[in-house]
N, C-alpha and C. Protein backbone atom coordinates (compact mmCIF):
# COMPACT_ATOMS: atom_id res chain seq x y z
N MET A 1 80.07 -122.32 -149.29
CA MET A 1 80.15 -121.32 -148.23
C MET A 1 79.60 -120.01 -148.78
N PRO A 2 78.57 -119.45 -148.13
CA PRO A 2 78.00 -118.21 -148.63
C PRO A 2 78.96 -117.04 -148.45
N GLY A 3 78.73 -115.99 -149.24
CA GLY A 3 79.53 -114.78 -149.12
C GLY A 3 78.95 -113.87 -148.06
N SER A 4 79.15 -112.60 -148.25
CA SER A 4 78.72 -111.60 -147.29
C SER A 4 77.20 -111.40 -147.32
N MET A 5 76.61 -111.19 -146.15
CA MET A 5 75.19 -110.88 -146.09
C MET A 5 74.93 -109.39 -146.31
N VAL A 6 75.96 -108.57 -146.29
CA VAL A 6 75.87 -107.12 -146.53
C VAL A 6 74.72 -106.52 -145.71
N LEU A 7 74.78 -106.73 -144.42
CA LEU A 7 73.74 -106.25 -143.52
C LEU A 7 73.80 -104.73 -143.33
N PRO A 8 72.65 -104.09 -143.08
CA PRO A 8 72.64 -102.63 -142.92
C PRO A 8 73.64 -102.12 -141.89
N GLY A 9 73.74 -102.78 -140.75
CA GLY A 9 74.66 -102.32 -139.71
C GLY A 9 76.11 -102.40 -140.15
N ASP A 10 76.46 -103.43 -140.93
CA ASP A 10 77.83 -103.55 -141.43
C ASP A 10 78.15 -102.42 -142.41
N VAL A 11 77.19 -102.12 -143.29
CA VAL A 11 77.39 -101.04 -144.25
C VAL A 11 77.47 -99.70 -143.52
N GLU A 12 76.62 -99.51 -142.52
CA GLU A 12 76.65 -98.27 -141.74
C GLU A 12 78.01 -98.06 -141.09
N GLN A 13 78.59 -99.12 -140.52
CA GLN A 13 79.90 -99.00 -139.88
C GLN A 13 80.99 -98.66 -140.89
N SER A 14 80.92 -99.24 -142.08
CA SER A 14 81.91 -98.95 -143.12
C SER A 14 81.78 -97.52 -143.62
N LEU A 15 80.55 -97.05 -143.77
CA LEU A 15 80.33 -95.67 -144.17
C LEU A 15 80.85 -94.71 -143.10
N LEU A 16 80.59 -95.03 -141.85
CA LEU A 16 81.08 -94.21 -140.74
C LEU A 16 82.61 -94.14 -140.77
N ALA A 17 83.26 -95.27 -141.02
CA ALA A 17 84.73 -95.28 -141.08
C ALA A 17 85.24 -94.39 -142.22
N ALA A 18 84.56 -94.43 -143.36
CA ALA A 18 84.97 -93.59 -144.50
C ALA A 18 84.81 -92.11 -144.17
N LEU A 19 83.70 -91.76 -143.55
CA LEU A 19 83.46 -90.36 -143.20
C LEU A 19 84.43 -89.89 -142.12
N THR A 20 84.64 -90.72 -141.11
CA THR A 20 85.53 -90.36 -140.01
C THR A 20 86.95 -90.15 -140.52
N GLY A 21 87.39 -91.02 -141.42
CA GLY A 21 88.75 -90.94 -141.93
C GLY A 21 88.99 -89.75 -142.84
N GLY A 22 87.93 -89.20 -143.43
CA GLY A 22 88.12 -88.13 -144.39
C GLY A 22 87.63 -86.77 -143.98
N LEU A 23 86.98 -86.65 -142.83
CA LEU A 23 86.40 -85.37 -142.43
C LEU A 23 86.95 -84.95 -141.06
N ALA A 24 88.11 -84.34 -141.07
CA ALA A 24 88.71 -83.89 -139.82
C ALA A 24 87.91 -82.71 -139.26
N ASP A 25 87.75 -82.68 -137.95
CA ASP A 25 87.08 -81.58 -137.24
C ASP A 25 85.60 -81.43 -137.60
N ILE A 26 84.99 -82.49 -138.14
CA ILE A 26 83.57 -82.48 -138.45
C ILE A 26 82.93 -83.64 -137.70
N ASN A 27 81.85 -83.36 -137.00
CA ASN A 27 81.15 -84.37 -136.21
C ASN A 27 80.49 -85.38 -137.16
N VAL A 28 80.88 -86.64 -137.04
CA VAL A 28 80.28 -87.70 -137.84
C VAL A 28 79.72 -88.77 -136.91
N GLY A 29 78.83 -89.56 -137.43
CA GLY A 29 78.20 -90.63 -136.65
C GLY A 29 76.76 -90.79 -137.11
N ALA A 30 76.13 -91.83 -136.63
CA ALA A 30 74.74 -92.09 -136.99
C ALA A 30 73.82 -91.18 -136.19
N ILE A 31 72.78 -90.69 -136.85
CA ILE A 31 71.75 -89.93 -136.14
C ILE A 31 70.95 -90.92 -135.29
N SER A 32 70.80 -90.61 -134.03
CA SER A 32 70.09 -91.53 -133.13
C SER A 32 69.23 -90.73 -132.15
N ASP A 33 68.60 -91.45 -131.23
CA ASP A 33 67.72 -90.79 -130.26
C ASP A 33 68.48 -89.83 -129.34
N LYS A 34 69.80 -90.01 -129.21
CA LYS A 34 70.57 -89.08 -128.36
C LYS A 34 70.66 -87.69 -128.99
N ASP A 35 70.29 -87.57 -130.27
CA ASP A 35 70.30 -86.29 -130.96
C ASP A 35 68.97 -85.56 -130.88
N ILE A 36 68.03 -86.11 -130.13
CA ILE A 36 66.71 -85.50 -129.96
C ILE A 36 66.67 -84.82 -128.60
N GLY A 37 66.37 -83.53 -128.60
CA GLY A 37 66.34 -82.77 -127.35
C GLY A 37 65.08 -83.03 -126.55
N ASP A 38 64.99 -82.40 -125.38
CA ASP A 38 63.83 -82.56 -124.50
C ASP A 38 62.53 -82.10 -125.15
N ASP A 39 62.64 -81.20 -126.13
CA ASP A 39 61.45 -80.71 -126.83
C ASP A 39 61.16 -81.51 -128.11
N ASP A 40 61.79 -82.70 -128.22
CA ASP A 40 61.62 -83.59 -129.37
C ASP A 40 62.10 -82.99 -130.68
N GLN A 41 63.04 -82.06 -130.61
CA GLN A 41 63.63 -81.46 -131.80
C GLN A 41 65.03 -82.04 -132.01
N LEU A 42 65.42 -82.16 -133.27
CA LEU A 42 66.75 -82.65 -133.61
C LEU A 42 67.79 -81.61 -133.20
N VAL A 43 68.83 -82.05 -132.50
CA VAL A 43 69.91 -81.19 -132.07
C VAL A 43 71.20 -81.79 -132.62
N LEU A 44 71.85 -81.06 -133.52
CA LEU A 44 73.09 -81.54 -134.14
C LEU A 44 74.27 -80.73 -133.64
N GLU A 45 75.34 -81.41 -133.29
CA GLU A 45 76.58 -80.73 -132.92
C GLU A 45 77.29 -80.36 -134.22
N MET A 46 77.48 -79.07 -134.45
CA MET A 46 78.02 -78.60 -135.72
C MET A 46 79.48 -78.20 -135.60
N PRO A 47 80.20 -78.28 -136.72
CA PRO A 47 79.81 -78.74 -138.05
C PRO A 47 79.64 -80.26 -138.05
N CYS A 48 78.75 -80.74 -138.91
CA CYS A 48 78.50 -82.18 -138.90
C CYS A 48 78.21 -82.74 -140.28
N ALA A 49 78.44 -84.03 -140.39
CA ALA A 49 78.05 -84.85 -141.53
C ALA A 49 77.58 -86.16 -140.91
N ARG A 50 76.32 -86.21 -140.52
CA ARG A 50 75.77 -87.33 -139.75
C ARG A 50 74.96 -88.24 -140.66
N GLN A 51 75.17 -89.51 -140.54
CA GLN A 51 74.48 -90.46 -141.41
C GLN A 51 73.20 -90.99 -140.77
N ARG A 52 72.25 -91.33 -141.66
CA ARG A 52 70.98 -91.91 -141.22
C ARG A 52 70.61 -93.01 -142.20
N TYR A 53 70.37 -94.19 -141.65
CA TYR A 53 69.93 -95.32 -142.46
C TYR A 53 68.48 -95.12 -142.84
N VAL A 54 68.16 -95.21 -144.14
CA VAL A 54 66.81 -94.98 -144.63
C VAL A 54 66.09 -96.30 -144.89
N GLY A 55 66.76 -97.23 -145.55
CA GLY A 55 66.12 -98.51 -145.84
C GLY A 55 66.93 -99.32 -146.83
N THR A 56 66.43 -100.53 -147.11
CA THR A 56 67.12 -101.47 -147.98
C THR A 56 66.11 -102.12 -148.92
N GLU A 57 66.55 -102.35 -150.15
CA GLU A 57 65.75 -103.10 -151.11
C GLU A 57 66.55 -104.31 -151.55
N TYR A 58 65.84 -105.44 -151.72
CA TYR A 58 66.46 -106.69 -152.17
C TYR A 58 65.81 -107.14 -153.46
N LYS A 59 66.62 -107.69 -154.36
CA LYS A 59 66.11 -108.29 -155.58
C LYS A 59 66.79 -109.64 -155.74
N ASN A 60 65.99 -110.70 -155.75
CA ASN A 60 66.54 -112.04 -155.87
C ASN A 60 67.29 -112.19 -157.18
N GLN A 61 68.43 -112.86 -157.13
CA GLN A 61 69.24 -113.07 -158.33
C GLN A 61 68.80 -114.29 -159.14
N GLY A 62 67.78 -114.98 -158.68
CA GLY A 62 67.26 -116.10 -159.45
C GLY A 62 67.66 -117.48 -158.95
N ASP A 63 68.38 -117.56 -157.84
CA ASP A 63 68.70 -118.90 -157.34
C ASP A 63 67.44 -119.50 -156.73
N ASN A 64 67.30 -120.81 -156.86
CA ASN A 64 66.05 -121.45 -156.46
C ASN A 64 65.85 -121.54 -154.95
N GLN A 65 66.85 -121.23 -154.16
CA GLN A 65 66.66 -121.22 -152.70
C GLN A 65 66.46 -119.80 -152.16
N TRP A 66 66.50 -118.82 -153.02
CA TRP A 66 66.31 -117.42 -152.61
C TRP A 66 67.32 -116.99 -151.55
N LEU A 67 68.59 -117.29 -151.80
CA LEU A 67 69.64 -116.95 -150.84
C LEU A 67 70.60 -115.88 -151.35
N THR A 68 70.52 -115.55 -152.65
CA THR A 68 71.43 -114.57 -153.24
C THR A 68 70.62 -113.41 -153.80
N TYR A 69 71.00 -112.19 -153.41
CA TYR A 69 70.23 -110.99 -153.75
C TYR A 69 71.14 -109.86 -154.21
N ASP A 70 70.62 -109.03 -155.10
CA ASP A 70 71.18 -107.71 -155.32
C ASP A 70 70.58 -106.85 -154.21
N VAL A 71 71.43 -106.21 -153.43
CA VAL A 71 70.96 -105.42 -152.30
C VAL A 71 71.32 -103.95 -152.52
N SER A 72 70.40 -103.09 -152.15
CA SER A 72 70.60 -101.65 -152.29
C SER A 72 70.24 -100.98 -150.96
N HIS A 73 71.26 -100.45 -150.29
CA HIS A 73 71.05 -99.73 -149.02
C HIS A 73 71.01 -98.24 -149.31
N ILE A 74 70.03 -97.55 -148.76
CA ILE A 74 69.92 -96.11 -148.91
C ILE A 74 70.28 -95.45 -147.57
N PHE A 75 71.19 -94.51 -147.65
CA PHE A 75 71.60 -93.73 -146.48
C PHE A 75 71.49 -92.25 -146.82
N GLU A 76 71.30 -91.46 -145.78
CA GLU A 76 71.36 -90.00 -145.91
C GLU A 76 72.53 -89.51 -145.07
N ILE A 77 73.16 -88.47 -145.55
CA ILE A 77 74.20 -87.80 -144.77
C ILE A 77 73.72 -86.37 -144.55
N TRP A 78 73.39 -86.08 -143.30
CA TRP A 78 72.87 -84.77 -142.93
C TRP A 78 74.06 -83.85 -142.64
N THR A 79 74.14 -82.76 -143.38
CA THR A 79 75.25 -81.84 -143.23
C THR A 79 74.74 -80.50 -142.68
N ALA A 80 75.50 -79.93 -141.78
CA ALA A 80 75.14 -78.64 -141.21
C ALA A 80 76.39 -77.98 -140.64
N ALA A 81 76.40 -76.67 -140.69
CA ALA A 81 77.49 -75.89 -140.10
C ALA A 81 76.89 -74.73 -139.35
N GLU A 82 77.68 -74.14 -138.48
CA GLU A 82 77.19 -73.00 -137.71
C GLU A 82 78.05 -71.79 -138.02
N ASP A 83 77.41 -70.76 -138.49
CA ASP A 83 78.08 -69.47 -138.72
C ASP A 83 77.06 -68.41 -138.34
N LEU A 84 77.25 -67.80 -137.19
CA LEU A 84 76.26 -66.88 -136.63
C LEU A 84 76.30 -65.49 -137.24
N THR A 85 77.20 -65.26 -138.20
CA THR A 85 77.26 -63.93 -138.80
C THR A 85 76.03 -63.63 -139.65
N SER A 86 75.48 -64.67 -140.32
CA SER A 86 74.25 -64.48 -141.09
C SER A 86 73.72 -65.84 -141.53
N LYS A 87 72.47 -65.87 -141.91
CA LYS A 87 71.87 -67.12 -142.43
C LYS A 87 72.58 -67.54 -143.72
N GLU A 88 72.91 -66.58 -144.55
CA GLU A 88 73.61 -66.88 -145.81
C GLU A 88 74.98 -67.48 -145.54
N ALA A 89 75.71 -66.94 -144.55
CA ALA A 89 77.02 -67.47 -144.19
C ALA A 89 76.90 -68.90 -143.68
N GLN A 90 75.84 -69.16 -142.92
CA GLN A 90 75.63 -70.51 -142.39
C GLN A 90 75.33 -71.48 -143.53
N ARG A 91 74.49 -71.06 -144.48
CA ARG A 91 74.17 -71.91 -145.63
C ARG A 91 75.44 -72.19 -146.45
N THR A 92 76.25 -71.17 -146.65
CA THR A 92 77.49 -71.33 -147.40
C THR A 92 78.44 -72.28 -146.68
N ALA A 93 78.52 -72.19 -145.37
CA ALA A 93 79.38 -73.09 -144.59
C ALA A 93 78.90 -74.54 -144.70
N THR A 94 77.58 -74.73 -144.73
CA THR A 94 77.03 -76.08 -144.90
C THR A 94 77.36 -76.61 -146.28
N LEU A 95 77.24 -75.78 -147.30
CA LEU A 95 77.60 -76.20 -148.66
C LEU A 95 79.08 -76.57 -148.75
N ALA A 96 79.92 -75.92 -147.95
CA ALA A 96 81.34 -76.25 -147.93
C ALA A 96 81.57 -77.66 -147.37
N ILE A 97 80.74 -78.08 -146.42
CA ILE A 97 80.86 -79.44 -145.89
C ILE A 97 80.45 -80.44 -146.98
N ILE A 98 79.39 -80.12 -147.72
CA ILE A 98 78.98 -80.99 -148.82
C ILE A 98 80.12 -81.14 -149.82
N ALA A 99 80.83 -80.05 -150.07
CA ALA A 99 81.96 -80.08 -151.00
C ALA A 99 83.07 -81.01 -150.52
N LEU A 100 83.14 -81.26 -149.23
CA LEU A 100 84.10 -82.23 -148.68
C LEU A 100 83.55 -83.65 -148.74
N VAL A 101 82.26 -83.80 -148.49
CA VAL A 101 81.64 -85.12 -148.43
C VAL A 101 81.56 -85.78 -149.81
N LEU A 102 81.13 -85.04 -150.81
CA LEU A 102 80.88 -85.63 -152.13
C LEU A 102 82.10 -86.34 -152.73
N PRO A 103 83.26 -85.69 -152.83
CA PRO A 103 84.39 -86.41 -153.42
C PRO A 103 84.91 -87.55 -152.55
N LEU A 104 84.62 -87.49 -151.27
CA LEU A 104 85.04 -88.54 -150.35
C LEU A 104 84.26 -89.83 -150.58
N ILE A 105 82.95 -89.71 -150.84
CA ILE A 105 82.13 -90.93 -150.92
C ILE A 105 81.72 -91.33 -152.32
N ALA A 106 81.68 -90.39 -153.26
CA ALA A 106 81.25 -90.74 -154.63
C ALA A 106 82.19 -91.79 -155.21
N GLY A 107 81.63 -92.93 -155.58
CA GLY A 107 82.42 -93.99 -156.17
C GLY A 107 83.24 -94.82 -155.21
N ALA A 108 83.19 -94.49 -153.91
CA ALA A 108 83.97 -95.25 -152.92
C ALA A 108 83.44 -96.67 -152.80
N ARG A 109 84.33 -97.61 -152.70
CA ARG A 109 83.95 -99.00 -152.42
C ARG A 109 84.21 -99.22 -150.94
N LEU A 110 83.16 -99.52 -150.22
CA LEU A 110 83.27 -99.67 -148.77
C LEU A 110 83.66 -101.10 -148.42
N MET A 111 84.68 -101.24 -147.58
CA MET A 111 85.08 -102.56 -147.13
C MET A 111 84.30 -102.90 -145.87
N LEU A 112 83.63 -104.05 -145.90
CA LEU A 112 82.85 -104.50 -144.75
C LEU A 112 83.73 -105.28 -143.79
N ALA A 113 83.22 -105.54 -142.61
CA ALA A 113 83.99 -106.23 -141.57
C ALA A 113 84.46 -107.60 -142.02
N ASP A 114 83.69 -108.28 -142.90
CA ASP A 114 84.10 -109.61 -143.35
C ASP A 114 85.05 -109.55 -144.55
N THR A 115 85.57 -108.37 -144.85
CA THR A 115 86.51 -108.04 -145.92
C THR A 115 85.88 -108.07 -147.33
N SER A 116 84.59 -108.25 -147.44
CA SER A 116 83.95 -108.09 -148.74
C SER A 116 83.84 -106.59 -149.04
N VAL A 117 83.63 -106.27 -150.30
CA VAL A 117 83.62 -104.87 -150.73
C VAL A 117 82.32 -104.60 -151.47
N THR A 118 81.75 -103.42 -151.23
CA THR A 118 80.51 -103.03 -151.91
C THR A 118 80.83 -102.55 -153.32
N GLU A 119 79.78 -102.37 -154.11
CA GLU A 119 79.93 -101.68 -155.38
C GLU A 119 80.20 -100.22 -155.07
N PRO A 120 80.62 -99.42 -156.05
CA PRO A 120 80.88 -98.00 -155.77
C PRO A 120 79.64 -97.29 -155.23
N VAL A 121 79.86 -96.41 -154.27
CA VAL A 121 78.77 -95.62 -153.70
C VAL A 121 78.22 -94.70 -154.79
N ALA A 122 76.90 -94.70 -154.93
CA ALA A 122 76.24 -93.85 -155.93
C ALA A 122 75.59 -92.66 -155.24
N LEU A 123 75.86 -91.48 -155.74
CA LEU A 123 75.18 -90.28 -155.25
C LEU A 123 73.78 -90.26 -155.86
N LYS A 124 72.75 -90.00 -155.04
CA LYS A 124 71.38 -89.98 -155.52
C LYS A 124 70.80 -88.57 -155.59
N SER A 125 70.98 -87.78 -154.53
CA SER A 125 70.41 -86.44 -154.51
C SER A 125 70.98 -85.62 -153.36
N ILE A 126 70.74 -84.32 -153.44
CA ILE A 126 71.01 -83.41 -152.33
C ILE A 126 69.75 -82.57 -152.16
N GLY A 127 69.27 -82.48 -150.95
CA GLY A 127 68.07 -81.68 -150.67
C GLY A 127 68.18 -81.06 -149.30
N LYS A 128 67.21 -80.24 -148.98
CA LYS A 128 67.21 -79.61 -147.66
C LYS A 128 66.01 -80.13 -146.87
N LEU A 129 66.04 -79.93 -145.59
CA LEU A 129 64.91 -80.30 -144.76
C LEU A 129 63.68 -79.54 -145.23
N PRO A 130 62.52 -80.18 -145.27
CA PRO A 130 61.31 -79.50 -145.76
C PRO A 130 60.98 -78.19 -145.03
N ASP A 131 61.19 -78.14 -143.73
CA ASP A 131 60.86 -76.93 -142.96
C ASP A 131 62.00 -75.93 -142.90
N ASP A 132 63.11 -76.23 -143.55
CA ASP A 132 64.31 -75.38 -143.51
C ASP A 132 64.27 -74.42 -144.69
N ILE A 133 63.64 -73.28 -144.53
CA ILE A 133 63.41 -72.34 -145.62
C ILE A 133 64.72 -71.80 -146.19
N VAL A 134 65.67 -71.47 -145.34
CA VAL A 134 66.92 -70.85 -145.78
C VAL A 134 67.90 -71.89 -146.33
N GLY A 135 67.83 -73.12 -145.87
CA GLY A 135 68.77 -74.14 -146.32
C GLY A 135 70.00 -74.22 -145.45
N GLN A 136 69.80 -74.46 -144.17
CA GLN A 136 70.93 -74.56 -143.27
C GLN A 136 71.33 -76.00 -142.99
N ILE A 137 70.46 -76.94 -143.27
CA ILE A 137 70.78 -78.36 -143.17
C ILE A 137 70.47 -78.99 -144.52
N TYR A 138 71.51 -79.56 -145.14
CA TYR A 138 71.33 -80.24 -146.42
C TYR A 138 71.55 -81.73 -146.22
N ILE A 139 70.80 -82.52 -146.98
CA ILE A 139 70.84 -83.97 -146.86
C ILE A 139 71.32 -84.56 -148.17
N VAL A 140 72.44 -85.28 -148.12
CA VAL A 140 72.99 -85.99 -149.27
C VAL A 140 72.47 -87.42 -149.20
N THR A 141 71.76 -87.86 -150.22
CA THR A 141 71.24 -89.22 -150.25
C THR A 141 72.14 -90.06 -151.15
N ILE A 142 72.53 -91.22 -150.64
CA ILE A 142 73.42 -92.12 -151.38
C ILE A 142 72.83 -93.52 -151.42
N GLU A 143 73.31 -94.31 -152.38
CA GLU A 143 72.91 -95.71 -152.50
C GLU A 143 74.17 -96.56 -152.49
N ILE A 144 74.14 -97.61 -151.68
CA ILE A 144 75.26 -98.52 -151.56
C ILE A 144 74.76 -99.91 -151.94
N CYS A 145 75.28 -100.43 -153.05
CA CYS A 145 74.81 -101.71 -153.58
C CYS A 145 75.88 -102.79 -153.42
N ALA A 146 75.43 -104.03 -153.42
CA ALA A 146 76.33 -105.18 -153.34
C ALA A 146 75.51 -106.43 -153.63
N ILE A 147 76.18 -107.56 -153.64
CA ILE A 147 75.51 -108.85 -153.74
C ILE A 147 75.52 -109.46 -152.35
N ALA A 148 74.33 -109.77 -151.85
CA ALA A 148 74.20 -110.37 -150.51
C ALA A 148 73.93 -111.85 -150.67
N GLN A 149 74.64 -112.64 -149.89
CA GLN A 149 74.44 -114.08 -149.90
C GLN A 149 74.18 -114.54 -148.47
N PHE A 150 73.06 -115.23 -148.29
CA PHE A 150 72.66 -115.69 -146.97
C PHE A 150 72.93 -117.17 -146.82
N PRO A 151 73.19 -117.64 -145.58
CA PRO A 151 73.56 -119.04 -145.38
C PRO A 151 72.42 -120.03 -145.56
N GLY A 152 71.19 -119.58 -145.46
CA GLY A 152 70.06 -120.51 -145.64
C GLY A 152 69.99 -121.56 -144.55
N THR A 153 70.26 -121.17 -143.34
CA THR A 153 70.30 -122.11 -142.22
C THR A 153 69.03 -122.94 -142.13
N LEU A 154 67.87 -122.32 -142.23
CA LEU A 154 66.61 -123.06 -142.15
C LEU A 154 66.20 -123.63 -143.50
N ALA A 155 66.86 -123.21 -144.58
CA ALA A 155 66.54 -123.72 -145.91
C ALA A 155 67.17 -125.09 -146.14
N ALA A 156 68.21 -125.42 -145.38
CA ALA A 156 68.88 -126.71 -145.56
C ALA A 156 67.88 -127.84 -145.31
N GLY A 157 67.92 -128.81 -146.18
CA GLY A 157 67.00 -129.96 -146.04
C GLY A 157 65.68 -129.78 -146.76
N ASN A 158 65.46 -128.60 -147.35
CA ASN A 158 64.23 -128.35 -148.09
C ASN A 158 64.34 -128.72 -149.56
N GLU A 159 65.47 -129.32 -149.98
CA GLU A 159 65.69 -129.61 -151.38
C GLU A 159 64.65 -130.58 -151.93
N ASP A 160 64.03 -131.41 -151.10
CA ASP A 160 63.07 -132.43 -151.56
C ASP A 160 61.68 -131.85 -151.77
N LEU A 161 61.45 -130.61 -151.37
CA LEU A 161 60.11 -130.03 -151.51
C LEU A 161 59.80 -129.66 -152.93
């Protein structure tokens, strides 16, 4: 019986649960098309720590059916706060959200819906949006790794090849 497939959507839901449980009064959720305004600009409800799935890498573990992989999911957590007193105050408020996010997710093992658990969440970087000169939106990039095992539904019966 294969283990968990550690699919991107399952990891995203577990990350969302971790953020929701630890960030009171901060808007969390996946960035989606509903966050794009009529002028095609990103519109975030602040304060926020919104996640965005970036991509996944797989590395075969060496089984001859290619069903077991080391998997690495990359996510971004977009953080922003609103403080209209000054640009510096807004940047400082956003950094305060990062100060809440980092200890919450660094090293966290996310439990997936099938009750399997990921390796500890690895912090990769913090950066700002390229066009954000002052630094009002910061992006925390994380890596979530695990071992993915697939059922090989179409691989069954290929043993004679």
